[in-house]
Amino acid sequence: MLRDAAIDGLLILGVVTVALSCIGVLVMRTPLQRLHYLGPLSMVAPMLIAGAVAAGRNSYHGAAAKAIFIALLIVAFAPVLSHQMARMADARREPS
């Protein structure tokens, strides 16, 4: 009962984080402003959802480990991707 509530809470927080990030991306005007709203989407939401999967899959440890591993990969490589997108957007903005 308590575990189900924790799983539901983690999933709801993950979905709300994704929804608010998407709204922020839609509202912002420049690409660099939009990149700031991708941070929670790529850093917070994967961990919340992986936590929900791990809490719900305690009988099969492989799924929990895979979910956490994928979330860690997303968290590790999302800043690199955001940095490269910011550099590309900045290069397009500056006339050479």
N, C-alpha and C. Protein backbone atom coordinates (compact mmCIF):
# COMPACT_ATOMS: atom_id res chain seq x y z
N MET A 1 0.83 -1.19 0.00
CA MET A 1 0.00 0.00 0.00
C MET A 1 0.87 1.26 0.00
N LEU A 2 1.81 1.33 0.93
CA LEU A 2 2.69 2.48 1.01
C LEU A 2 3.64 2.51 -0.19
N ARG A 3 4.09 1.32 -0.62
CA ARG A 3 4.97 1.25 -1.77
C ARG A 3 4.25 1.70 -3.04
N ASP A 4 2.99 1.31 -3.18
CA ASP A 4 2.21 1.74 -4.34
C ASP A 4 2.04 3.25 -4.36
N ALA A 5 1.81 3.85 -3.19
CA ALA A 5 1.68 5.30 -3.11
C ALA A 5 2.99 5.99 -3.47
N ALA A 6 4.11 5.41 -3.04
CA ALA A 6 5.42 5.99 -3.38
C ALA A 6 5.68 5.89 -4.88
N ILE A 7 5.33 4.76 -5.47
CA ILE A 7 5.51 4.59 -6.91
C ILE A 7 4.66 5.59 -7.67
N ASP A 8 3.39 5.71 -7.27
CA ASP A 8 2.50 6.67 -7.93
C ASP A 8 3.01 8.10 -7.77
N GLY A 9 3.50 8.42 -6.59
CA GLY A 9 4.03 9.76 -6.34
C GLY A 9 5.24 10.07 -7.21
N LEU A 10 6.15 9.11 -7.32
CA LEU A 10 7.33 9.31 -8.17
C LEU A 10 6.95 9.47 -9.64
N LEU A 11 6.01 8.67 -10.10
CA LEU A 11 5.57 8.79 -11.49
C LEU A 11 4.87 10.11 -11.74
N ILE A 12 4.02 10.53 -10.81
CA ILE A 12 3.32 11.82 -10.97
C ILE A 12 4.33 12.96 -10.99
N LEU A 13 5.31 12.94 -10.08
CA LEU A 13 6.33 13.99 -10.07
C LEU A 13 7.14 13.99 -11.37
N GLY A 14 7.45 12.82 -11.89
CA GLY A 14 8.17 12.74 -13.15
C GLY A 14 7.37 13.31 -14.31
N VAL A 15 6.10 12.97 -14.38
CA VAL A 15 5.26 13.48 -15.46
C VAL A 15 5.05 14.98 -15.33
N VAL A 16 4.85 15.48 -14.12
CA VAL A 16 4.68 16.92 -13.91
C VAL A 16 5.96 17.67 -14.30
N THR A 17 7.11 17.10 -13.97
CA THR A 17 8.38 17.71 -14.35
C THR A 17 8.50 17.80 -15.87
N VAL A 18 8.16 16.74 -16.56
CA VAL A 18 8.22 16.74 -18.02
C VAL A 18 7.23 17.75 -18.59
N ALA A 19 6.02 17.79 -18.07
CA ALA A 19 5.01 18.72 -18.58
C ALA A 19 5.43 20.17 -18.38
N LEU A 20 5.93 20.50 -17.19
CA LEU A 20 6.35 21.88 -16.94
C LEU A 20 7.56 22.26 -17.80
N SER A 21 8.46 21.33 -18.03
CA SER A 21 9.60 21.61 -18.90
C SER A 21 9.14 21.86 -20.34
N CYS A 22 8.19 21.07 -20.80
CA CYS A 22 7.67 21.26 -22.16
C CYS A 22 6.97 22.60 -22.29
N ILE A 23 6.21 22.99 -21.28
CA ILE A 23 5.55 24.30 -21.31
C ILE A 23 6.60 25.41 -21.34
N GLY A 24 7.65 25.27 -20.55
CA GLY A 24 8.71 26.26 -20.55
C GLY A 24 9.40 26.37 -21.90
N VAL A 25 9.62 25.25 -22.56
CA VAL A 25 10.23 25.27 -23.89
C VAL A 25 9.31 25.97 -24.88
N LEU A 26 8.02 25.75 -24.78
CA LEU A 26 7.07 26.39 -25.70
C LEU A 26 6.97 27.89 -25.47
N VAL A 27 7.13 28.33 -24.24
CA VAL A 27 6.94 29.74 -23.91
C VAL A 27 8.17 30.59 -24.25
N MET A 28 9.35 30.04 -24.10
CA MET A 28 10.57 30.81 -24.32
C MET A 28 10.77 31.14 -25.79
N ARG A 29 11.49 32.23 -26.04
CA ARG A 29 11.61 32.74 -27.40
C ARG A 29 12.89 32.28 -28.11
N THR A 30 14.00 32.33 -27.43
CA THR A 30 15.27 32.02 -28.10
C THR A 30 15.69 30.58 -27.80
N PRO A 31 16.50 30.00 -28.67
CA PRO A 31 16.96 28.62 -28.42
C PRO A 31 17.76 28.48 -27.12
N LEU A 32 18.54 29.48 -26.77
CA LEU A 32 19.32 29.39 -25.53
C LEU A 32 18.41 29.42 -24.31
N GLN A 33 17.35 30.18 -24.35
CA GLN A 33 16.38 30.18 -23.25
C GLN A 33 15.67 28.83 -23.17
N ARG A 34 15.37 28.26 -24.30
CA ARG A 34 14.69 26.96 -24.32
C ARG A 34 15.55 25.86 -23.72
N LEU A 35 16.86 25.94 -23.95
CA LEU A 35 17.76 24.92 -23.41
C LEU A 35 17.73 24.87 -21.89
N HIS A 36 17.49 26.00 -21.25
CA HIS A 36 17.43 26.01 -19.79
C HIS A 36 16.27 25.17 -19.25
N TYR A 37 15.20 25.09 -20.00
CA TYR A 37 14.06 24.31 -19.55
C TYR A 37 14.20 22.82 -19.85
N LEU A 38 15.22 22.45 -20.58
CA LEU A 38 15.48 21.03 -20.81
C LEU A 38 16.25 20.39 -19.66
N GLY A 39 16.80 21.21 -18.78
CA GLY A 39 17.56 20.69 -17.64
C GLY A 39 16.74 19.77 -16.75
N PRO A 40 15.60 20.25 -16.22
CA PRO A 40 14.80 19.35 -15.38
C PRO A 40 14.29 18.12 -16.14
N LEU A 41 14.03 18.33 -17.42
CA LEU A 41 13.55 17.21 -18.24
C LEU A 41 14.60 16.12 -18.36
N SER A 42 15.86 16.52 -18.42
CA SER A 42 16.90 15.52 -18.62
C SER A 42 17.64 15.13 -17.34
N MET A 43 17.43 15.85 -16.26
CA MET A 43 18.16 15.55 -15.02
C MET A 43 17.25 14.99 -13.92
N VAL A 44 16.08 15.54 -13.78
CA VAL A 44 15.20 15.16 -12.66
C VAL A 44 14.24 14.05 -13.06
N ALA A 45 13.57 14.22 -14.20
CA ALA A 45 12.54 13.26 -14.60
C ALA A 45 13.05 11.83 -14.78
N PRO A 46 14.21 11.61 -15.41
CA PRO A 46 14.67 10.22 -15.54
C PRO A 46 14.92 9.54 -14.19
N MET A 47 15.45 10.29 -13.24
CA MET A 47 15.71 9.70 -11.93
C MET A 47 14.40 9.37 -11.19
N LEU A 48 13.41 10.24 -11.31
CA LEU A 48 12.12 9.97 -10.67
C LEU A 48 11.46 8.73 -11.27
N ILE A 49 11.48 8.65 -12.58
CA ILE A 49 10.83 7.51 -13.24
C ILE A 49 11.62 6.23 -13.00
N ALA A 50 12.94 6.31 -13.01
CA ALA A 50 13.76 5.12 -12.70
C ALA A 50 13.54 4.69 -11.26
N GLY A 51 13.37 5.64 -10.36
CA GLY A 51 13.06 5.29 -8.97
C GLY A 51 11.73 4.57 -8.84
N ALA A 52 10.75 5.02 -9.62
CA ALA A 52 9.45 4.35 -9.60
C ALA A 52 9.56 2.93 -10.15
N VAL A 53 10.32 2.76 -11.22
CA VAL A 53 10.50 1.42 -11.80
C VAL A 53 11.24 0.53 -10.81
N ALA A 54 12.27 1.07 -10.18
CA ALA A 54 13.04 0.28 -9.22
C ALA A 54 12.19 -0.10 -8.01
N ALA A 55 11.34 0.79 -7.56
CA ALA A 55 10.48 0.48 -6.42
C ALA A 55 9.40 -0.54 -6.79
N GLY A 56 8.98 -0.51 -8.02
CA GLY A 56 7.93 -1.43 -8.44
C GLY A 56 8.43 -2.80 -8.87
N ARG A 57 9.71 -2.93 -9.13
CA ARG A 57 10.27 -4.18 -9.65
C ARG A 57 11.24 -4.82 -8.68
N ASN A 58 10.88 -4.90 -7.42
CA ASN A 58 11.82 -5.48 -6.46
C ASN A 58 11.94 -7.00 -6.60
N SER A 59 10.99 -7.65 -7.27
CA SER A 59 11.10 -9.10 -7.44
C SER A 59 12.03 -9.45 -8.61
N TYR A 60 12.18 -8.55 -9.56
CA TYR A 60 13.06 -8.79 -10.71
C TYR A 60 14.09 -7.66 -10.73
N HIS A 61 15.27 -7.92 -10.23
CA HIS A 61 16.27 -6.89 -10.06
C HIS A 61 16.87 -6.40 -11.37
N GLY A 62 16.77 -7.17 -12.41
CA GLY A 62 17.33 -6.76 -13.69
C GLY A 62 16.66 -5.52 -14.25
N ALA A 63 15.34 -5.44 -14.16
CA ALA A 63 14.62 -4.28 -14.68
C ALA A 63 14.96 -3.03 -13.88
N ALA A 64 15.08 -3.16 -12.58
CA ALA A 64 15.41 -2.01 -11.75
C ALA A 64 16.82 -1.52 -12.06
N ALA A 65 17.75 -2.44 -12.21
CA ALA A 65 19.13 -2.05 -12.53
C ALA A 65 19.22 -1.40 -13.89
N LYS A 66 18.49 -1.93 -14.87
CA LYS A 66 18.51 -1.34 -16.21
C LYS A 66 17.90 0.05 -16.20
N ALA A 67 16.80 0.24 -15.47
CA ALA A 67 16.16 1.55 -15.41
C ALA A 67 17.09 2.58 -14.77
N ILE A 68 17.74 2.20 -13.71
CA ILE A 68 18.67 3.12 -13.04
C ILE A 68 19.88 3.40 -13.93
N PHE A 69 20.39 2.38 -14.61
CA PHE A 69 21.53 2.57 -15.51
C PHE A 69 21.18 3.52 -16.65
N ILE A 70 20.02 3.35 -17.25
CA ILE A 70 19.60 4.22 -18.35
C ILE A 70 19.42 5.65 -17.84
N ALA A 71 18.81 5.81 -16.67
CA ALA A 71 18.64 7.15 -16.10
C ALA A 71 19.99 7.81 -15.84
N LEU A 72 20.95 7.04 -15.34
CA LEU A 72 22.28 7.61 -15.11
C LEU A 72 22.97 7.99 -16.41
N LEU A 73 22.78 7.21 -17.45
CA LEU A 73 23.34 7.57 -18.76
C LEU A 73 22.73 8.87 -19.27
N ILE A 74 21.43 9.02 -19.13
CA ILE A 74 20.76 10.25 -19.56
C ILE A 74 21.28 11.44 -18.77
N VAL A 75 21.39 11.27 -17.46
CA VAL A 75 21.87 12.36 -16.61
C VAL A 75 23.33 12.70 -16.92
N ALA A 76 24.12 11.70 -17.28
CA ALA A 76 25.53 11.95 -17.56
C ALA A 76 25.74 12.64 -18.91
N PHE A 77 24.97 12.27 -19.91
CA PHE A 77 25.22 12.80 -21.25
C PHE A 77 24.32 13.95 -21.66
N ALA A 78 23.28 14.25 -20.95
CA ALA A 78 22.40 15.37 -21.29
C ALA A 78 23.12 16.72 -21.22
N PRO A 79 23.96 16.98 -20.22
CA PRO A 79 24.66 18.27 -20.22
C PRO A 79 25.61 18.43 -21.42
N VAL A 80 26.22 17.35 -21.86
CA VAL A 80 27.11 17.41 -23.02
C VAL A 80 26.31 17.78 -24.26
N LEU A 81 25.17 17.15 -24.43
CA LEU A 81 24.31 17.44 -25.57
C LEU A 81 23.80 18.87 -25.51
N SER A 82 23.39 19.33 -24.33
CA SER A 82 22.91 20.71 -24.19
C SER A 82 24.02 21.71 -24.50
N HIS A 83 25.22 21.43 -24.05
CA HIS A 83 26.35 22.32 -24.33
C HIS A 83 26.61 22.42 -25.83
N GLN A 84 26.58 21.30 -26.51
CA GLN A 84 26.82 21.31 -27.95
C GLN A 84 25.70 22.04 -28.69
N MET A 85 24.45 21.87 -28.25
CA MET A 85 23.35 22.59 -28.88
C MET A 85 23.47 24.09 -28.64
N ALA A 86 23.93 24.49 -27.46
CA ALA A 86 24.13 25.91 -27.17
C ALA A 86 25.24 26.48 -28.05
N ARG A 87 26.31 25.72 -28.24
CA ARG A 87 27.39 26.19 -29.11
C ARG A 87 26.91 26.35 -30.55
N MET A 88 26.09 25.41 -31.01
CA MET A 88 25.57 25.51 -32.38
C MET A 88 24.64 26.69 -32.53
N ALA A 89 23.78 26.92 -31.53
CA ALA A 89 22.86 28.04 -31.58
C ALA A 89 23.62 29.37 -31.54
N ASP A 90 24.67 29.42 -30.74
CA ASP A 90 25.48 30.63 -30.66
C ASP A 90 26.23 30.86 -31.97
N ALA A 91 26.71 29.81 -32.59
CA ALA A 91 27.42 29.95 -33.87
C ALA A 91 26.49 30.42 -34.97
N ARG A 92 25.26 30.02 -34.94
CA ARG A 92 24.28 30.47 -35.94
C ARG A 92 23.92 31.92 -35.74
N ARG A 93 23.95 32.36 -34.48
CA ARG A 93 23.55 33.73 -34.16
C ARG A 93 24.62 34.74 -34.56
N GLU A 94 25.89 34.38 -34.44
CA GLU A 94 26.98 35.31 -34.73
C GLU A 94 27.34 35.23 -36.21
N PRO A 95 27.25 36.36 -36.91
CA PRO A 95 27.68 36.34 -38.33
C PRO A 95 29.20 36.26 -38.41
N SER A 96 29.70 35.43 -39.30
CA SER A 96 31.15 35.28 -39.44
C SER A 96 31.69 36.12 -40.57
